[in-house]
């Protein structure tokens, strides 16, 4: 298994690989399969419509119209 090189100064809700940082506990927690996006603290979904994308705006993931590659956004399928 390859070691993960977690960021050294994470903020609450930061994600890395399949982990999310919990600042209250001071630990990285694995994000289980099937987790709802709204359960991750840096994701804000408001009035999602079909074919919108999940876009990182510099501080959080939000739904909207996006451009770029898959590293920049994820398609909200049938939201």
Protein backbone atom coordinates (compact mmCIF):
# COMPACT_ATOMS: atom_id res chain seq x y z
CA UNK A 1 0.00 0.00 0.00
CA UNK A 2 1.27 3.48 -0.88
CA UNK A 3 1.59 5.99 1.96
CA UNK A 4 -0.55 9.12 1.77
CA UNK A 5 1.12 12.51 2.16
CA UNK A 6 -1.62 14.49 3.92
CA UNK A 7 -1.41 18.31 3.90
CA UNK A 8 0.41 19.56 7.01
CA UNK A 9 -1.91 22.50 7.84
CA UNK A 10 -5.46 21.44 6.93
CA UNK A 11 -8.63 23.37 7.73
CA UNK A 12 -11.87 21.79 8.88
CA UNK A 13 -13.64 20.11 5.97
CA UNK A 14 -10.58 19.94 3.69
CA UNK A 15 -10.55 16.80 1.59
CA UNK A 16 -7.62 14.68 0.44
CA UNK A 17 -7.96 11.44 -1.49
CA UNK A 18 -10.98 9.77 0.23
CA UNK A 19 -10.52 11.59 3.55
CA UNK A 20 -12.00 14.72 5.12
CA UNK A 21 -10.30 16.70 7.89
CA UNK A 22 -12.17 17.04 11.22
CA UNK A 23 -10.57 20.03 13.01
CA UNK A 24 -12.53 19.37 16.22
CA UNK A 25 -10.94 15.93 16.59
CA UNK A 26 -7.70 16.93 14.83
CA UNK A 27 -7.86 13.90 12.53
CA UNK A 28 -8.43 12.91 8.91
CA UNK A 29 -11.53 10.71 8.61
CA UNK A 30 -12.19 8.33 5.74
CA UNK A 31 -15.24 9.33 3.71
CA UNK A 32 -17.39 6.21 3.43
CA UNK A 33 -18.86 5.18 0.09
CA UNK A 34 -22.35 6.56 -0.39
CA UNK A 35 -21.81 9.63 1.79
CA UNK A 36 -24.08 12.53 0.94
CA UNK A 37 -22.22 15.57 -0.43
CA UNK A 38 -23.96 17.83 2.09
CA UNK A 39 -22.32 15.79 4.88
CA UNK A 40 -18.91 17.11 3.82
CA UNK A 41 -18.43 20.53 5.40
CA UNK A 42 -16.93 22.31 2.39
CA UNK A 43 -19.76 21.29 0.00
CA UNK A 44 -22.77 23.57 -0.38
CA UNK A 45 -25.60 22.45 -2.69
CA UNK A 46 -28.41 24.93 -3.27
CA UNK A 47 -31.29 24.46 -5.71
CA UNK A 48 -29.41 21.87 -7.77
CA UNK A 49 -30.68 21.23 -11.27
CA UNK A 50 -29.91 18.42 -13.69
CA UNK A 51 -26.57 18.63 -15.49
CA UNK A 52 -25.08 21.23 -13.16
CA UNK A 53 -21.58 20.58 -11.95
CA UNK A 54 -19.93 20.63 -8.55
CA UNK A 55 -17.30 23.39 -8.80
CA UNK A 56 -14.58 24.43 -6.36
CA UNK A 57 -14.81 28.21 -5.91
CA UNK A 58 -11.54 28.62 -4.02
CA UNK A 59 -12.94 27.93 -0.57
CA UNK A 60 -15.77 25.42 -1.01
CA UNK A 61 -17.47 23.10 -3.48
CA UNK A 62 -20.73 24.57 -4.84
CA UNK A 63 -23.16 23.59 -7.56
CA UNK A 64 -23.31 25.66 -10.72
CA UNK A 65 -22.13 25.96 -14.26
CA UNK A 66 -18.48 25.03 -14.57
CA UNK A 67 -15.77 24.63 -17.13
CA UNK A 68 -12.52 22.75 -17.11
CA UNK A 69 -11.49 19.16 -16.57
CA UNK A 70 -12.68 16.58 -14.09
CA UNK A 71 -10.16 17.83 -11.57
CA UNK A 72 -12.18 21.09 -11.41
CA UNK A 73 -15.73 19.74 -11.14
CA UNK A 74 -17.99 16.72 -10.93
CA UNK A 75 -21.28 16.29 -12.80
CA UNK A 76 -24.37 16.19 -10.57
CA UNK A 77 -26.24 13.34 -12.22
CA UNK A 78 -29.99 13.79 -12.18
CA UNK A 79 -29.92 16.05 -9.14
